[in-house]
Amino acid sequence: GWAPIGAPPSTVLAMRRSEAASWFSAGRLWVWSGASMSAPPADQSLEGGAWYDPVMATWGPMAKNGEPTPRAGAGVVWTGSEAIIWGGYPAGKDWSQNFGEAVSAFADGAIYRP
């Protein structure tokens, strides 16, 4: 069944949406980047990320050195030893009001090795 997960302390990870998330080594949940909780177009892409350990019920920060440009909606896959992030888009545009405009998506990514 379902069990609740407490929100991370704001000193570790600010509230966000459209983040990249995946399970990684040692059974931890990994959450990176995303968009702020402001309504578009006032929202912003957020840097940084955190991990959650469900056994210990604790959150911790991810290393920031070498992280790619912050973005929302990035894809992520865990290979067994590293997380690969690709794509996404910059927050700060109300796509519902600009349907049909060209989307300014990221055509790059990064590899995170915990």
Protein backbone atom coordinates (compact mmCIF):
# COMPACT_ATOMS: atom_id res chain seq x y z
CA GLY A 1 0.00 0.00 0.00
CA TRP A 2 0.81 3.68 0.01
CA ALA A 3 2.89 5.42 2.68
CA PRO A 4 3.39 9.19 2.94
CA ILE A 5 6.75 10.86 2.32
CA GLY A 6 7.43 14.05 4.24
CA ALA A 7 8.43 17.15 2.32
CA PRO A 8 12.14 17.98 2.33
CA PRO A 9 13.34 20.85 4.50
CA SER A 10 13.44 24.07 2.45
CA THR A 11 17.16 24.29 3.22
CA VAL A 12 17.62 21.05 1.21
CA LEU A 13 15.07 21.46 -1.60
CA ALA A 14 12.53 24.19 -2.35
CA MET A 15 9.03 23.13 -3.41
CA ARG A 16 8.92 22.53 -7.16
CA ARG A 17 6.98 20.96 -10.00
CA SER A 18 7.89 19.34 -13.34
CA GLU A 19 11.15 18.04 -11.87
CA ALA A 20 13.24 15.13 -13.09
CA ALA A 21 13.05 12.21 -10.66
CA SER A 22 14.36 8.66 -10.57
CA TRP A 23 15.45 5.91 -8.18
CA PHE A 24 19.18 5.53 -7.86
CA SER A 25 21.85 3.74 -5.85
CA ALA A 26 21.08 2.41 -2.39
CA GLY A 27 17.35 2.63 -3.07
CA ARG A 28 17.11 6.42 -2.83
CA LEU A 29 14.76 8.70 -4.74
CA TRP A 30 16.55 11.42 -6.65
CA VAL A 31 14.83 14.75 -7.52
CA TRP A 32 16.52 17.44 -9.64
CA SER A 33 15.64 20.88 -11.00
CA GLY A 34 12.04 21.68 -12.05
CA ALA A 35 9.96 24.85 -11.92
CA SER A 36 9.01 27.06 -8.99
CA MET A 37 5.48 26.95 -7.67
CA SER A 38 4.55 30.38 -9.07
CA ALA A 39 1.98 30.45 -11.85
CA PRO A 40 3.38 30.86 -15.38
CA PRO A 41 4.84 33.09 -16.66
CA ALA A 42 6.22 34.15 -13.24
CA ASP A 43 7.66 30.69 -12.51
CA GLN A 44 11.38 30.06 -12.76
CA SER A 45 13.59 27.05 -13.39
CA LEU A 46 15.15 25.88 -10.12
CA GLU A 47 18.70 24.64 -9.71
CA GLY A 48 19.85 21.87 -7.45
CA GLY A 49 18.36 18.64 -6.28
CA ALA A 50 18.05 16.26 -3.37
CA TRP A 51 17.82 12.58 -2.53
CA TYR A 52 15.34 10.83 -0.27
CA ASP A 53 16.15 7.68 1.68
CA PRO A 54 12.87 5.81 2.37
CA VAL A 55 14.47 3.50 4.95
CA MET A 56 15.80 6.38 7.06
CA ALA A 57 12.98 8.78 6.03
CA THR A 58 15.53 11.55 5.45
CA TRP A 59 16.36 14.04 2.69
CA GLY A 60 19.84 15.22 1.69
CA PRO A 61 21.25 17.62 -0.93
CA MET A 62 22.83 16.53 -4.22
CA ALA A 63 26.21 17.85 -5.30
CA LYS A 64 25.87 20.93 -7.55
CA ASN A 65 29.27 20.98 -9.26
CA GLY A 66 28.84 20.45 -12.98
CA GLU A 67 25.03 20.41 -12.99
CA PRO A 68 23.41 21.46 -16.28
CA THR A 69 21.23 24.54 -16.78
CA PRO A 70 18.15 24.32 -14.53
CA ARG A 71 15.02 23.22 -16.41
CA ALA A 72 11.54 21.82 -16.07
CA GLY A 73 10.25 18.61 -17.63
CA ALA A 74 13.62 16.93 -18.22
CA GLY A 75 13.73 13.21 -18.85
CA VAL A 76 15.89 11.01 -16.63
CA VAL A 77 16.91 7.37 -16.61
CA TRP A 78 18.95 5.41 -14.05
CA THR A 79 21.48 3.02 -15.64
CA GLY A 80 22.43 1.21 -12.45
CA SER A 81 25.40 3.45 -11.76
CA GLU A 82 24.47 6.91 -13.03
CA ALA A 83 21.47 9.11 -13.84
CA ILE A 84 21.25 10.52 -17.36
CA ILE A 85 19.26 13.75 -17.76
CA TRP A 86 18.16 14.98 -21.18
CA GLY A 87 16.03 17.77 -22.60
CA GLY A 88 13.41 19.76 -20.75
CA TYR A 89 12.40 23.37 -21.20
CA PRO A 90 12.95 26.69 -19.41
CA ALA A 91 10.21 27.68 -16.97
CA GLY A 92 8.75 31.18 -17.18
CA LYS A 93 6.35 30.92 -20.11
CA ASP A 94 2.64 30.26 -20.02
CA TRP A 95 2.40 27.63 -22.75
CA SER A 96 -1.40 27.43 -22.37
CA GLN A 97 -1.63 31.05 -23.53
CA ASN A 98 0.89 30.60 -26.34
CA PHE A 99 -0.22 27.29 -27.83
CA GLY A 100 1.33 26.73 -31.21
CA GLU A 101 4.47 28.79 -30.56
CA ALA A 102 7.79 27.08 -31.03
CA VAL A 103 8.90 25.50 -27.77
CA SER A 104 12.35 26.57 -26.65
CA ALA A 105 13.49 23.15 -25.44
CA PHE A 106 16.94 22.16 -24.24
CA ALA A 107 18.85 19.87 -26.61
CA ASP A 108 21.44 18.83 -24.05
CA GLY A 109 21.81 16.94 -20.82
CA ALA A 110 24.25 15.65 -18.24
CA ILE A 111 25.25 12.53 -16.34
CA TYR A 112 25.06 12.45 -12.52
CA ARG A 113 27.20 9.92 -10.69
CA PRO A 114 26.39 9.75 -6.97
